[in-house]
C-alpha atoms as a PDB file:
ATOM      1  CA  MET A   1      89.334 125.053  68.463  1.00  0.00           C
ATOM      2  CA  ALA A   2      90.287 128.718  68.780  1.00  0.00           C
ATOM      3  CA  ALA A   3      88.819 130.803  71.566  1.00  0.00           C
ATOM      4  CA  PRO A   4      85.893 132.945  70.435  1.00  0.00           C
ATOM      5  CA  LEU A   5      86.362 136.626  69.726  1.00  0.00           C
ATOM      6  CA  GLY A   6      83.997 139.414  70.653  1.00  0.00           C
ATOM      7  CA  SER A   7      83.181 141.774  73.483  1.00  0.00           C
ATOM      8  CA  ASP A   8      83.273 140.762  77.126  1.00  0.00           C
ATOM      9  CA  PHE A   9      79.492 140.572  77.044  1.00  0.00           C
ATOM     10  CA  ASP A  10      79.669 138.270  74.008  1.00  0.00           C
ATOM     11  CA  LEU A  11      82.160 135.986  75.738  1.00  0.00           C
ATOM     12  CA  LEU A  12      80.120 135.771  78.919  1.00  0.00           C
ATOM     13  CA  ALA A  13      76.981 135.009  76.894  1.00  0.00           C
ATOM     14  CA  ALA A  14      78.855 132.348  74.923  1.00  0.00           C
ATOM     15  CA  HIS A  15      80.053 130.815  78.195  1.00  0.00           C
ATOM     16  CA  THR A  16      76.537 130.623  79.608  1.00  0.00           C
ATOM     17  CA  ASN A  17      75.415 129.045  76.341  1.00  0.00           C
ATOM     18  CA  GLY A  18      77.935 126.255  76.747  1.00  0.00           C
ATOM     19  CA  ASP A  19      81.016 127.418  74.818  1.00  0.00           C
ATOM     20  CA  PRO A  20      83.960 125.662  76.540  1.00  0.00           C
ATOM     21  CA  HIS A  21      86.528 128.308  75.533  1.00  0.00           C
ATOM     22  CA  ALA A  22      84.717 131.587  76.162  1.00  0.00           C
ATOM     23  CA  PHE A  23      85.418 131.967  79.872  1.00  0.00           C
ATOM     24  CA  SER A  24      89.119 131.172  79.423  1.00  0.00           C
ATOM     25  CA  GLU A  25      89.382 133.970  76.868  1.00  0.00           C
ATOM     26  CA  LEU A  26      87.514 136.350  79.159  1.00  0.00           C
ATOM     27  CA  PHE A  27      89.858 135.576  82.039  1.00  0.00           C
ATOM     28  CA  ARG A  28      92.924 135.886  79.794  1.00  0.00           C
ATOM     29  CA  ARG A  29      91.877 139.409  78.815  1.00  0.00           C
ATOM     30  CA  HIS A  30      91.626 140.658  82.389  1.00  0.00           C
ATOM     31  CA  ARG A  31      93.996 138.325  84.252  1.00  0.00           C
ATOM     32  CA  ASP A  32      96.810 140.830  84.821  1.00  0.00           C
ATOM     33  CA  ARG A  33      94.685 143.535  86.420  1.00  0.00           C
ATOM     34  CA  LEU A  34      92.652 141.055  88.451  1.00  0.00           C
ATOM     35  CA  TRP A  35      95.892 139.514  89.722  1.00  0.00           C
ATOM     36  CA  ALA A  36      97.347 142.948  90.564  1.00  0.00           C
ATOM     37  CA  VAL A  37      94.302 143.855  92.650  1.00  0.00           C
ATOM     38  CA  ALA A  38      94.350 140.501  94.448  1.00  0.00           C
ATOM     39  CA  LEU A  39      98.081 140.682  95.181  1.00  0.00           C
ATOM     40  CA  ARG A  40      98.063 144.260  96.436  1.00  0.00           C
ATOM     41  CA  THR A  41      95.009 143.590  98.572  1.00  0.00           C
ATOM     42  CA  MET A  42      96.226 140.317 100.095  1.00  0.00           C
ATOM     43  CA  ARG A  43      99.937 141.317 100.391  1.00  0.00           C
ATOM     44  CA  ASP A  44     100.815 137.634 100.042  1.00  0.00           C
ATOM     45  CA  HIS A  45     101.478 135.761  96.780  1.00  0.00           C
ATOM     46  CA  ASP A  46      99.938 132.435  97.781  1.00  0.00           C
ATOM     47  CA  GLU A  47      96.893 134.006  99.427  1.00  0.00           C
ATOM     48  CA  ALA A  48      96.338 136.208  96.369  1.00  0.00           C
ATOM     49  CA  ALA A  49      96.577 133.220  94.051  1.00  0.00           C
ATOM     50  CA  ASP A  50      94.041 131.318  96.146  1.00  0.00           C
ATOM     51  CA  ALA A  51      91.706 134.316  96.287  1.00  0.00           C
ATOM     52  CA  LEU A  52      91.889 134.782  92.524  1.00  0.00           C
ATOM     53  CA  GLN A  53      91.212 131.092  91.971  1.00  0.00           C
ATOM     54  CA  ASP A  54      88.213 131.222  94.324  1.00  0.00           C
ATOM     55  CA  ALA A  55      86.920 134.316  92.526  1.00  0.00           C
ATOM     56  CA  MET A  56      87.232 132.889  89.039  1.00  0.00           C
ATOM     57  CA  LEU A  57      85.540 129.653  90.087  1.00  0.00           C
ATOM     58  CA  SER A  58      82.719 131.711  91.580  1.00  0.00           C
ATOM     59  CA  ALA A  59      82.438 133.820  88.398  1.00  0.00           C
ATOM     60  CA  PHE A  60      82.476 130.690  86.233  1.00  0.00           C
ATOM     61  CA  ARG A  61      79.615 129.173  88.198  1.00  0.00           C
ATOM     62  CA  SER A  62      77.530 132.324  88.666  1.00  0.00           C
ATOM     63  CA  ALA A  63      77.831 133.783  85.152  1.00  0.00           C
ATOM     64  CA  ARG A  64      74.096 133.326  84.543  1.00  0.00           C
ATOM     65  CA  SER A  65      73.371 135.732  87.407  1.00  0.00           C
ATOM     66  CA  PHE A  66      75.156 138.607  85.621  1.00  0.00           C
ATOM     67  CA  ARG A  67      72.492 141.171  84.665  1.00  0.00           C
ATOM     68  CA  ALA A  68      74.606 143.548  82.556  1.00  0.00           C
ATOM     69  CA  GLU A  69      74.017 146.418  84.989  1.00  0.00           C
ATOM     70  CA  SER A  70      77.770 147.121  84.879  1.00  0.00           C
ATOM     71  CA  GLN A  71      80.731 146.207  82.716  1.00  0.00           C
ATOM     72  CA  VAL A  72      81.805 142.571  82.800  1.00  0.00           C
ATOM     73  CA  THR A  73      85.260 143.600  84.015  1.00  0.00           C
ATOM     74  CA  THR A  74      83.668 145.536  86.902  1.00  0.00           C
ATOM     75  CA  TRP A  75      81.673 142.437  87.841  1.00  0.00           C
ATOM     76  CA  LEU A  76      84.850 140.330  87.775  1.00  0.00           C
ATOM     77  CA  HIS A  77      86.732 142.825  89.927  1.00  0.00           C
ATOM     78  CA  ARG A  78      83.923 142.858  92.470  1.00  0.00           C
ATOM     79  CA  ILE A  79      84.099 139.080  92.773  1.00  0.00           C
ATOM     80  CA  VAL A  80      87.890 139.221  93.207  1.00  0.00           C
ATOM     81  CA  VAL A  81      87.673 141.936  95.866  1.00  0.00           C
ATOM     82  CA  ASN A  82      85.010 139.999  97.772  1.00  0.00           C
ATOM     83  CA  ALA A  83      87.112 136.842  97.636  1.00  0.00           C
ATOM     84  CA  CYS A  84      90.092 138.782  99.002  1.00  0.00           C
ATOM     85  CA  LEU A  85      88.065 140.358 101.810  1.00  0.00           C
ATOM     86  CA  ASP A  86      86.679 136.943 102.776  1.00  0.00           C
ATOM     87  CA  ARG A  87      90.211 135.581 103.078  1.00  0.00           C
ATOM     88  CA  ILE A  88      91.448 138.619 105.009  1.00  0.00           C
ATOM     89  CA  ARG A  89      88.645 138.257 107.530  1.00  0.00           C
ATOM     90  CA  ARG A  90      89.404 134.567 107.966  1.00  0.00           C
ATOM     91  CA  ARG A  91      93.079 135.198 108.656  1.00  0.00           C
ATOM     92  CA  GLN A  92      92.684 138.236 110.938  1.00  0.00           C
ATOM     93  CA  ALA A  93      93.334 136.132 114.001  1.00  0.00           C
ATOM     94  CA  ARG A  94      96.808 135.285 112.697  1.00  0.00           C
ATOM     95  CA  ALA A  95      99.723 137.678 112.484  1.00  0.00           C
ATOM     96  CA  THR A  96     100.927 138.213 108.930  1.00  0.00           C
ATOM     97  CA  VAL A  97     104.314 139.372 107.729  1.00  0.00           C
ATOM     98  CA  PRO A  98     104.782 140.660 104.154  1.00  0.00           C
ATOM     99  CA  LEU A  99     107.297 138.583 102.253  1.00  0.00           C
ATOM    100  CA  PRO A 100     110.088 140.183 100.196  1.00  0.00           C
ATOM    101  CA  ASP A 101     109.914 139.904  96.416  1.00  0.00           C
ATOM    102  CA  SER A 102     113.285 138.157  96.248  1.00  0.00           C
ATOM    103  CA  GLY A 103     114.632 135.216  98.191  1.00  0.00           C
ATOM    104  CA  PRO A 104     118.068 134.489  99.672  1.00  0.00           C
ATOM    105  CA  GLY A 105     118.974 132.340  96.685  1.00  0.00           C
ATOM    106  CA  GLU A 106     118.793 135.195  94.205  1.00  0.00           C
ATOM    107  CA  PRO A 107     121.870 137.157  93.066  1.00  0.00           C
ATOM    108  CA  ALA A 108     123.078 139.948  95.282  1.00  0.00           C
ATOM    109  CA  SER A 109     121.938 143.398  94.231  1.00  0.00           C
ATOM    110  CA  GLY A 110     123.480 146.828  94.505  1.00  0.00           C
ATOM    111  CA  ASN A 111     122.818 149.312  97.264  1.00  0.00           C
ATOM    112  CA  ASP A 112     120.152 151.175  95.273  1.00  0.00           C
ATOM    113  CA  ALA A 113     118.245 147.959  94.584  1.00  0.00           C
ATOM    114  CA  ILE A 114     118.471 146.979  98.248  1.00  0.00           C
ATOM    115  CA  ALA A 115     117.192 150.410  99.270  1.00  0.00           C
ATOM    116  CA  ASP A 116     114.296 150.105  96.800  1.00  0.00           C
ATOM    117  CA  GLN A 117     113.469 146.681  98.208  1.00  0.00           C
ATOM    118  CA  ASP A 118     113.476 148.100 101.737  1.00  0.00           C
ATOM    119  CA  VAL A 119     111.102 150.870 100.682  1.00  0.00           C
ATOM    120  CA  ARG A 120     108.752 148.365  99.029  1.00  0.00           C
ATOM    121  CA  MET A 121     108.651 146.284 102.201  1.00  0.00           C
ATOM    122  CA  VAL A 122     107.933 149.368 104.327  1.00  0.00           C
ATOM    123  CA  VAL A 123     105.088 150.359 101.984  1.00  0.00           C
ATOM    124  CA  GLN A 124     103.722 146.800 102.042  1.00  0.00           C
ATOM    125  CA  ASP A 125     103.810 146.812 105.827  1.00  0.00           C
ATOM    126  CA  ALA A 126     102.019 150.168 105.927  1.00  0.00           C
ATOM    127  CA  LEU A 127      99.256 148.896 103.632  1.00  0.00           C
ATOM    128  CA  GLU A 128      98.901 145.850 105.871  1.00  0.00           C
ATOM    129  CA  ARG A 129      98.294 148.131 108.867  1.00  0.00           C
ATOM    130  CA  ILE A 130      95.304 150.033 107.502  1.00  0.00           C
ATOM    131  CA  PRO A 131      91.743 148.584 107.601  1.00  0.00           C
ATOM    132  CA  GLU A 132      90.964 146.285 104.698  1.00  0.00           C
ATOM    133  CA  ASN A 133      88.078 148.396 103.363  1.00  0.00           C
ATOM    134  CA  GLN A 134      90.384 151.425 103.149  1.00  0.00           C
ATOM    135  CA  ARG A 135      93.190 149.307 101.689  1.00  0.00           C
ATOM    136  CA  VAL A 136      91.009 147.956  98.891  1.00  0.00           C
ATOM    137  CA  ALA A 137      89.728 151.432  98.057  1.00  0.00           C
ATOM    138  CA  ILE A 138      93.194 152.956  97.826  1.00  0.00           C
ATOM    139  CA  VAL A 139      94.521 149.973  95.859  1.00  0.00           C
ATOM    140  CA  LEU A 140      91.770 150.387  93.284  1.00  0.00           C
ATOM    141  CA  VAL A 141      91.912 154.189  93.016  1.00  0.00           C
ATOM    142  CA  ASP A 142      95.496 155.238  93.775  1.00  0.00           C
ATOM    143  CA  ILE A 143      97.475 152.161  92.743  1.00  0.00           C
ATOM    144  CA  GLU A 144      95.430 150.591  89.954  1.00  0.00           C
ATOM    145  CA  GLY A 145      94.064 153.908  88.695  1.00  0.00           C
ATOM    146  CA  TYR A 146      90.363 153.112  88.576  1.00  0.00           C
ATOM    147  CA  PRO A 147      87.977 156.096  88.574  1.00  0.00           C
ATOM    148  CA  VAL A 148      86.147 156.592  91.860  1.00  0.00           C
ATOM    149  CA  SER A 149      82.884 155.838  90.059  1.00  0.00           C
ATOM    150  CA  GLN A 150      84.108 152.422  88.894  1.00  0.00           C
ATOM    151  CA  ALA A 151      85.671 151.612  92.256  1.00  0.00           C
ATOM    152  CA  ALA A 152      82.307 152.390  93.855  1.00  0.00           C
ATOM    153  CA  VAL A 153      80.587 149.882  91.569  1.00  0.00           C
ATOM    154  CA  ILE A 154      83.257 147.244  92.241  1.00  0.00           C
ATOM    155  CA  LEU A 155      82.938 147.717  96.006  1.00  0.00           C
ATOM    156  CA  ASP A 156      79.148 148.154  95.829  1.00  0.00           C
ATOM    157  CA  VAL A 157      79.250 151.375  97.873  1.00  0.00           C
ATOM    158  CA  ALA A 158      78.541 155.049  97.194  1.00  0.00           C
ATOM    159  CA  GLU A 159      81.186 157.176  95.493  1.00  0.00           C
ATOM    160  CA  GLY A 160      81.381 159.338  98.601  1.00  0.00           C
ATOM    161  CA  THR A 161      82.241 156.251 100.638  1.00  0.00           C
ATOM    162  CA  VAL A 162      85.118 155.419  98.299  1.00  0.00           C
ATOM    163  CA  LYS A 163      86.393 158.995  98.532  1.00  0.00           C
ATOM    164  CA  SER A 164      86.233 159.035 102.333  1.00  0.00           C
ATOM    165  CA  ARG A 165      87.930 155.633 102.617  1.00  0.00           C
ATOM    166  CA  CYS A 166      90.708 156.778 100.299  1.00  0.00           C
ATOM    167  CA  ALA A 167      91.108 160.028 102.226  1.00  0.00           C
ATOM    168  CA  ARG A 168      91.401 158.208 105.555  1.00  0.00           C
ATOM    169  CA  ALA A 169      93.818 155.696 104.047  1.00  0.00           C
ATOM    170  CA  ARG A 170      96.002 158.478 102.624  1.00  0.00           C
ATOM    171  CA  ILE A 171      96.191 160.203 106.013  1.00  0.00           C
ATOM    172  CA  LYS A 172      97.202 156.967 107.744  1.00  0.00           C
ATOM    173  CA  LEU A 173      99.749 156.084 105.063  1.00  0.00           C
ATOM    174  CA  ALA A 174     101.206 159.598 105.235  1.00  0.00           C
ATOM    175  CA  ARG A 175     101.762 159.134 108.972  1.00  0.00           C
ATOM    176  CA  LEU A 176     103.220 155.661 108.551  1.00  0.00           C
ATOM    177  CA  LEU A 177     105.446 156.603 105.610  1.00  0.00           C
ATOM    178  CA  GLY A 178     106.315 160.191 106.476  1.00  0.00           C
ATOM    179  CA  HIS A 179     109.898 159.227 107.333  1.00  0.00           C
ATOM    180  CA  LEU A 180     110.460 158.164 103.714  1.00  0.00           C
ATOM    181  CA  ARG A 181     109.973 161.742 102.560  1.00  0.00           C
ATOM    182  CA  ASN A 182     112.041 163.264 105.382  1.00  0.00           C
ATOM    183  CA  PRO A 183     114.343 160.652 106.932  1.00  0.00           C
ATOM    184  CA  ASP A 184     116.104 163.289 109.051  1.00  0.00           C
ATOM    185  CA  ALA A 185     112.860 164.484 110.635  1.00  0.00           C
ATOM    186  CA  ASP A 186     113.045 162.179 113.659  1.00  0.00           C
ATOM    187  CA  ALA A 187     116.691 162.955 114.225  1.00  0.00           C
ATOM    188  CA  GLY A 188     115.968 166.680 113.974  1.00  0.00           C
ATOM    189  CA  VAL A 189     113.162 166.495 116.479  1.00  0.00           C
ATOM    190  CA  GLU A 190     115.345 164.521 118.873  1.00  0.00           C
ATOM    191  CA  GLY A 191     118.192 166.997 118.460  1.00  0.00           C
ATOM    192  CA  ASP A 192     115.930 169.966 119.133  1.00  0.00           C
ATOM    193  CA  ALA A 193     114.654 168.284 122.274  1.00  0.00           C
ATOM    194  CA  MET A 194     118.222 167.748 123.536  1.00  0.00           C
ATOM    195  CA  VAL A 195     119.098 171.396 122.942  1.00  0.00           C
ATOM    196  CA  THR A 196     115.977 172.485 124.815  1.00  0.00           C
ATOM    197  CA  ARG A 197     116.865 170.250 127.758  1.00  0.00           C
ATOM    198  CA  ARG A 198     120.386 171.650 127.888  1.00  0.00           C
ATOM    199  CA  GLN A 199     119.064 175.221 127.858  1.00  0.00           C
ATOM    200  CA  GLU A 200     116.590 174.451 130.626  1.00  0.00           C
ATOM    201  CA  GLY A 201     119.371 172.917 132.722  1.00  0.00           C
ATOM    202  CA  ARG A 202     121.468 176.088 132.682  1.00  0.00           C
END
């Protein structure tokens, strides 16, 4: 039997009315963006997959509680974000290290590809070092491109809170990643300091 067609609201209603295919179609429609949010929030492939699975199971079971006060996709994103935050809080006691996208068994790449990979790992590490509430906000707004208004609904906070979290996250990321924009900055500062010391020693 083919999956039913219709709006997200129609699919969720069909699911709550017992249609065995409706929820699968709903998830298929939004899977890529839900996965992207989970992966960029968790910074770990396996943890993101588990969080997404937890979220979809929760959505499947709690569909009857949806009151149509927001878009279905917003409701799904909120469940995914909450599942991610739950997992982050549970693993905070452990140190985590972002894993590279490619393994040692993959073909060797050129210098540019290696440099790009290094940059991605530095950015991943920087995201890992900012508080999770700021990380989720900046992932939704700056990386996934959601309007502040929709991110506020997903996170169940005021729009001003989303804006302030994003602003704080941007400041921290700018400090952590400033060397990517000006790799000679540290060397220049060190060189200036050496010149100053020499002049003072005269």
